[in-house]
Structure formats: C-alpha cells, structure tokens
C-alpha cells in the first residue's frame, strides 16, 4: 500500500533548545523512516543497527564517526552504513537529518 509523507510538515517542527527530537515518520515490516533534530551540544553516542541504514543530512554540520573513519554530515550528504556497523553522530551545530533503516524482506 502506498504511503505519503510530507517532509515539510516534519521540517516545520522547531529545533529543540536542548536534547534530541526524534519522530518516526514511517514504520512497517520493510522500512523505518526517522526524522531527527539534534540541539547544539548534543550527540548520539556509539551504537549499531541490525539493519542497513541510510542517513540524509537536511541541514546543519556534523560528522558520523565509525571505527573506519569520519564522514562529514552537511546539507545534501548521504551516508550508508552496513548492518552492525558501529557509529556515533557528533554535531558541530544544530543538526537535522533523516534516518532510513531498510529491514530485510520486500518484493521478490
């Protein structure tokens, strides 16, 4: 079944002065789409996902840190992570991004 998501509505949520705003925009058996905003000074400490992950930076500056290197997060940047790849997000300013987790399954 088709699903429509208006990213402009999600983007209109104010940036938190402190903390992290996390909104699940879509979750089904195949995909999760999460909209995140990190206030200045916040970070996501090292963690993993059991699924492949795409991260798309909407605005702000930061870096995604992995054992194999540091990847810039700036407007328009896409980053792909393999399942179980350790990573942490370290903003340099307010950071606004989408997280797309691709669960196993799908059409064959």
N, C-alpha and C. Protein backbone atom coordinates (compact mmCIF):
# COMPACT_ATOMS: atom_id res chain seq x y z
N UNK A 1 0.84 -1.17 0.00
CA UNK A 1 0.00 0.00 0.00
C UNK A 1 0.89 1.25 0.00
N UNK A 2 0.58 2.18 -0.85
CA UNK A 2 1.34 3.42 -0.94
C UNK A 2 1.16 4.26 0.33
N UNK A 3 2.19 4.99 0.66
CA UNK A 3 2.16 5.88 1.81
C UNK A 3 2.76 7.21 1.39
N UNK A 4 2.13 8.31 1.82
CA UNK A 4 2.63 9.65 1.52
C UNK A 4 3.12 10.30 2.82
N UNK A 5 4.30 10.90 2.74
CA UNK A 5 4.88 11.60 3.89
C UNK A 5 5.25 13.00 3.44
N UNK A 6 4.79 14.01 4.17
CA UNK A 6 5.11 15.39 3.84
C UNK A 6 6.27 15.83 4.73
N UNK A 7 7.46 15.86 4.16
CA UNK A 7 8.65 16.23 4.92
C UNK A 7 8.60 17.68 5.38
N UNK A 8 7.90 18.54 4.64
CA UNK A 8 7.80 19.94 5.05
C UNK A 8 7.12 20.07 6.41
N UNK A 9 6.13 19.22 6.69
CA UNK A 9 5.48 19.25 8.00
C UNK A 9 6.47 18.86 9.08
N UNK A 10 7.25 17.81 8.84
CA UNK A 10 8.24 17.37 9.82
C UNK A 10 9.32 18.44 10.01
N UNK A 11 9.75 19.06 8.91
CA UNK A 11 10.79 20.09 8.99
C UNK A 11 10.32 21.31 9.78
N UNK A 12 9.01 21.55 9.80
CA UNK A 12 8.50 22.74 10.49
C UNK A 12 8.55 22.60 12.01
N UNK A 13 8.82 21.39 12.52
CA UNK A 13 8.96 21.22 13.97
C UNK A 13 10.15 22.06 14.43
N UNK A 14 9.98 22.85 15.49
CA UNK A 14 11.09 23.70 15.93
C UNK A 14 12.28 22.87 16.41
N UNK A 15 13.47 23.40 16.17
CA UNK A 15 14.69 22.76 16.65
C UNK A 15 14.68 22.85 18.18
N UNK A 16 14.93 21.76 18.87
CA UNK A 16 14.95 21.84 20.33
C UNK A 16 16.11 22.69 20.83
N UNK A 17 15.88 23.43 21.91
CA UNK A 17 16.96 24.22 22.51
C UNK A 17 17.97 23.30 23.17
N UNK A 18 17.45 22.19 23.71
CA UNK A 18 18.29 21.16 24.32
C UNK A 18 17.71 19.81 23.93
N UNK A 19 18.55 18.82 23.89
CA UNK A 19 18.06 17.47 23.66
C UNK A 19 17.96 17.09 22.19
N UNK A 20 17.20 16.03 21.96
CA UNK A 20 17.07 15.43 20.64
C UNK A 20 15.60 15.24 20.33
N UNK A 21 15.20 15.67 19.14
CA UNK A 21 13.84 15.44 18.65
C UNK A 21 13.91 14.27 17.69
N UNK A 22 13.14 13.23 17.94
CA UNK A 22 13.11 12.05 17.08
C UNK A 22 11.66 11.73 16.76
N UNK A 23 11.31 11.70 15.47
CA UNK A 23 9.95 11.41 15.03
C UNK A 23 9.99 10.26 14.03
N UNK A 24 9.27 9.19 14.32
CA UNK A 24 9.15 8.11 13.36
C UNK A 24 8.06 8.49 12.37
N UNK A 25 8.44 8.67 11.10
CA UNK A 25 7.50 9.09 10.06
C UNK A 25 6.86 7.89 9.36
N UNK A 26 7.56 6.77 9.37
CA UNK A 26 7.05 5.55 8.74
C UNK A 26 7.71 4.36 9.40
N UNK A 27 6.91 3.35 9.69
CA UNK A 27 7.45 2.10 10.22
C UNK A 27 6.56 0.97 9.74
N UNK A 28 7.16 0.05 9.00
CA UNK A 28 6.44 -1.15 8.58
C UNK A 28 7.41 -2.32 8.60
N UNK A 29 7.03 -3.45 8.04
CA UNK A 29 7.88 -4.63 8.11
C UNK A 29 9.14 -4.53 7.26
N UNK A 30 9.23 -3.53 6.36
CA UNK A 30 10.36 -3.41 5.45
C UNK A 30 11.25 -2.21 5.71
N UNK A 31 10.69 -1.12 6.25
CA UNK A 31 11.42 0.14 6.35
C UNK A 31 11.01 0.92 7.59
N UNK A 32 11.96 1.66 8.14
CA UNK A 32 11.65 2.68 9.15
C UNK A 32 12.27 3.98 8.67
N UNK A 33 11.50 5.06 8.73
CA UNK A 33 11.97 6.40 8.37
C UNK A 33 11.84 7.27 9.61
N UNK A 34 12.99 7.77 10.09
CA UNK A 34 13.01 8.55 11.33
C UNK A 34 13.60 9.92 11.02
N UNK A 35 12.91 10.95 11.48
CA UNK A 35 13.31 12.35 11.32
C UNK A 35 13.95 12.78 12.64
N UNK A 36 15.18 13.31 12.57
CA UNK A 36 15.89 13.68 13.80
C UNK A 36 16.44 15.09 13.75
N UNK A 37 16.36 15.75 14.88
CA UNK A 37 16.97 17.07 15.07
C UNK A 37 17.75 17.03 16.38
N UNK A 38 19.02 17.40 16.30
CA UNK A 38 19.87 17.45 17.49
C UNK A 38 20.19 18.90 17.81
N UNK A 39 19.96 19.29 19.06
CA UNK A 39 20.28 20.65 19.51
C UNK A 39 21.80 20.78 19.61
N UNK A 40 22.29 22.02 19.56
CA UNK A 40 23.73 22.24 19.72
C UNK A 40 24.24 21.60 21.01
N UNK A 41 25.38 20.94 20.92
CA UNK A 41 25.98 20.32 22.10
C UNK A 41 25.52 18.89 22.36
N UNK A 42 24.51 18.43 21.65
CA UNK A 42 24.02 17.06 21.81
C UNK A 42 24.81 16.14 20.89
N UNK A 43 24.75 14.85 21.15
CA UNK A 43 25.36 13.88 20.25
C UNK A 43 24.66 12.54 20.43
N UNK A 44 24.81 11.68 19.44
CA UNK A 44 24.36 10.30 19.56
C UNK A 44 25.61 9.46 19.79
N UNK A 45 25.69 8.84 20.96
CA UNK A 45 26.88 8.07 21.29
C UNK A 45 26.94 6.79 20.45
N UNK A 46 28.07 6.13 20.49
CA UNK A 46 28.31 4.96 19.66
C UNK A 46 27.23 3.91 19.85
N UNK A 47 26.72 3.43 18.72
CA UNK A 47 25.68 2.40 18.72
C UNK A 47 25.71 1.69 17.37
N UNK A 48 24.85 0.68 17.21
CA UNK A 48 24.75 -0.05 15.95
C UNK A 48 23.28 -0.23 15.60
N UNK A 49 23.03 -0.66 14.38
CA UNK A 49 21.70 -1.06 13.92
C UNK A 49 21.85 -2.45 13.32
N UNK A 50 20.88 -3.30 13.54
CA UNK A 50 20.97 -4.63 12.93
C UNK A 50 20.57 -4.60 11.46
N UNK A 51 20.14 -3.42 10.97
CA UNK A 51 19.70 -3.26 9.59
C UNK A 51 20.64 -2.32 8.83
N UNK A 52 20.67 -2.42 7.49
CA UNK A 52 21.37 -1.40 6.70
C UNK A 52 20.68 -0.05 6.92
N UNK A 53 21.48 1.03 6.94
CA UNK A 53 20.95 2.36 7.25
C UNK A 53 21.47 3.38 6.24
N UNK A 54 20.58 4.24 5.78
CA UNK A 54 20.94 5.44 5.02
C UNK A 54 20.68 6.64 5.91
N UNK A 55 21.59 7.61 5.91
CA UNK A 55 21.41 8.86 6.64
C UNK A 55 21.50 9.99 5.62
N UNK A 56 20.49 10.87 5.62
CA UNK A 56 20.48 12.02 4.72
C UNK A 56 20.45 13.29 5.57
N UNK A 57 21.46 14.15 5.40
CA UNK A 57 21.52 15.39 6.17
C UNK A 57 20.70 16.48 5.48
N UNK A 58 19.73 17.02 6.21
CA UNK A 58 18.85 18.08 5.70
C UNK A 58 19.49 19.45 5.90
N UNK A 59 19.99 19.69 7.11
CA UNK A 59 20.69 20.95 7.38
C UNK A 59 21.58 20.80 8.60
N UNK A 60 22.53 21.72 8.73
CA UNK A 60 23.47 21.69 9.83
C UNK A 60 24.78 21.05 9.42
N UNK A 61 25.68 20.95 10.39
CA UNK A 61 27.01 20.39 10.16
C UNK A 61 27.35 19.43 11.29
N UNK A 62 28.05 18.39 10.93
CA UNK A 62 28.50 17.43 11.93
C UNK A 62 29.31 16.34 11.26
N UNK A 63 29.52 15.27 12.00
CA UNK A 63 30.24 14.13 11.44
C UNK A 63 29.67 12.84 11.99
N UNK A 64 29.76 11.81 11.17
CA UNK A 64 29.40 10.47 11.58
C UNK A 64 30.73 9.73 11.78
N UNK A 65 30.94 9.24 12.99
CA UNK A 65 32.20 8.60 13.34
C UNK A 65 32.02 7.09 13.36
N UNK A 66 32.91 6.38 12.66
CA UNK A 66 32.93 4.92 12.65
C UNK A 66 34.35 4.47 12.96
N UNK A 67 34.55 3.20 13.31
CA UNK A 67 35.93 2.72 13.51
C UNK A 67 36.80 2.88 12.26
N UNK A 68 36.17 2.91 11.07
CA UNK A 68 36.96 3.02 9.83
C UNK A 68 37.19 4.46 9.39
N UNK A 69 36.54 5.44 10.04
CA UNK A 69 36.77 6.82 9.65
C UNK A 69 35.67 7.77 10.04
N UNK A 70 35.86 9.03 9.66
CA UNK A 70 34.91 10.10 9.94
C UNK A 70 34.28 10.55 8.63
N UNK A 71 32.96 10.72 8.62
CA UNK A 71 32.24 11.10 7.41
C UNK A 71 31.49 12.40 7.67
N UNK A 72 31.66 13.41 6.79
CA UNK A 72 31.00 14.69 7.02
C UNK A 72 29.49 14.59 6.88
N UNK A 73 28.81 15.30 7.73
CA UNK A 73 27.35 15.45 7.64
C UNK A 73 27.09 16.93 7.37
N UNK A 74 26.67 17.24 6.15
CA UNK A 74 26.31 18.60 5.77
C UNK A 74 25.14 18.50 4.80
N UNK A 75 24.49 19.60 4.56
CA UNK A 75 23.28 19.61 3.74
C UNK A 75 23.48 18.85 2.43
N UNK A 76 22.58 17.89 2.17
CA UNK A 76 22.61 17.12 0.94
C UNK A 76 23.47 15.87 0.98
N UNK A 77 24.18 15.64 2.07
CA UNK A 77 25.09 14.50 2.18
C UNK A 77 24.33 13.22 2.53
N UNK A 78 24.64 12.13 1.82
CA UNK A 78 24.10 10.79 2.10
C UNK A 78 25.22 9.92 2.65
N UNK A 79 24.91 9.11 3.67
CA UNK A 79 25.88 8.16 4.24
C UNK A 79 25.18 6.81 4.35
N UNK A 80 25.86 5.75 3.95
CA UNK A 80 25.33 4.39 4.07
C UNK A 80 26.11 3.63 5.12
N UNK A 81 25.40 2.89 5.97
CA UNK A 81 26.02 2.05 7.00
C UNK A 81 25.57 0.60 6.81
N UNK A 82 26.52 -0.29 6.89
CA UNK A 82 26.23 -1.73 6.84
C UNK A 82 25.58 -2.15 8.17
N UNK A 83 24.84 -3.27 8.17
CA UNK A 83 24.29 -3.76 9.44
C UNK A 83 25.41 -3.98 10.46
N UNK A 84 25.14 -3.66 11.70
CA UNK A 84 26.05 -3.85 12.84
C UNK A 84 27.29 -2.95 12.80
N UNK A 85 27.35 -1.98 11.90
CA UNK A 85 28.50 -1.07 11.85
C UNK A 85 28.39 -0.04 12.99
N UNK A 86 29.39 0.01 13.84
CA UNK A 86 29.39 0.96 14.95
C UNK A 86 29.49 2.37 14.41
N UNK A 87 28.71 3.28 15.01
CA UNK A 87 28.76 4.67 14.58
C UNK A 87 28.24 5.58 15.68
N UNK A 88 28.67 6.85 15.61
CA UNK A 88 28.22 7.90 16.52
C UNK A 88 28.05 9.17 15.70
N UNK A 89 27.12 10.03 16.12
CA UNK A 89 26.88 11.30 15.43
C UNK A 89 27.34 12.43 16.33
N UNK A 90 28.23 13.28 15.78
CA UNK A 90 28.77 14.41 16.53
C UNK A 90 28.49 15.70 15.77
N UNK A 91 27.45 16.45 16.18
CA UNK A 91 27.13 17.71 15.51
C UNK A 91 28.16 18.79 15.80
N UNK A 92 28.34 19.67 14.84
CA UNK A 92 29.14 20.88 15.03
C UNK A 92 28.22 22.08 15.23
N UNK A 93 26.95 21.91 14.88
CA UNK A 93 25.92 22.93 15.04
C UNK A 93 24.61 22.18 15.21
N UNK A 94 23.50 22.89 15.13
CA UNK A 94 22.23 22.17 15.08
C UNK A 94 22.31 21.21 13.91
N UNK A 95 21.75 20.02 14.07
CA UNK A 95 21.85 19.01 13.01
C UNK A 95 20.48 18.39 12.78
N UNK A 96 20.09 18.33 11.53
CA UNK A 96 18.75 17.90 11.13
C UNK A 96 18.93 16.85 10.03
N UNK A 97 18.46 15.61 10.26
CA UNK A 97 18.68 14.56 9.27
C UNK A 97 17.57 13.51 9.29
N UNK A 98 17.54 12.72 8.22
CA UNK A 98 16.64 11.57 8.10
C UNK A 98 17.46 10.31 8.23
N UNK A 99 16.86 9.33 8.88
CA UNK A 99 17.47 8.02 9.07
C UNK A 99 16.55 6.99 8.43
N UNK A 100 17.05 6.24 7.47
CA UNK A 100 16.24 5.25 6.76
C UNK A 100 16.82 3.87 7.06
N UNK A 101 16.07 3.04 7.80
CA UNK A 101 16.51 1.68 8.10
C UNK A 101 15.77 0.73 7.16
N UNK A 102 16.54 -0.06 6.43
CA UNK A 102 15.98 -0.99 5.47
C UNK A 102 15.99 -2.39 6.07
N UNK A 103 14.83 -2.81 6.52
CA UNK A 103 14.72 -4.12 7.15
C UNK A 103 14.72 -5.20 6.07
N UNK A 104 15.04 -6.40 6.45
CA UNK A 104 15.07 -7.49 5.47
C UNK A 104 13.67 -7.75 4.92
N UNK A 105 13.62 -8.30 3.76
CA UNK A 105 12.34 -8.61 3.14
C UNK A 105 12.10 -7.74 1.94
N UNK A 106 10.86 -7.62 1.58
CA UNK A 106 10.50 -6.79 0.41
C UNK A 106 10.05 -7.67 -0.73
N UNK A 107 9.72 -7.03 -1.83
CA UNK A 107 9.22 -7.73 -3.01
C UNK A 107 10.32 -8.57 -3.62
N UNK A 108 9.93 -9.67 -4.20
CA UNK A 108 10.90 -10.56 -4.88
C UNK A 108 10.49 -10.76 -6.29
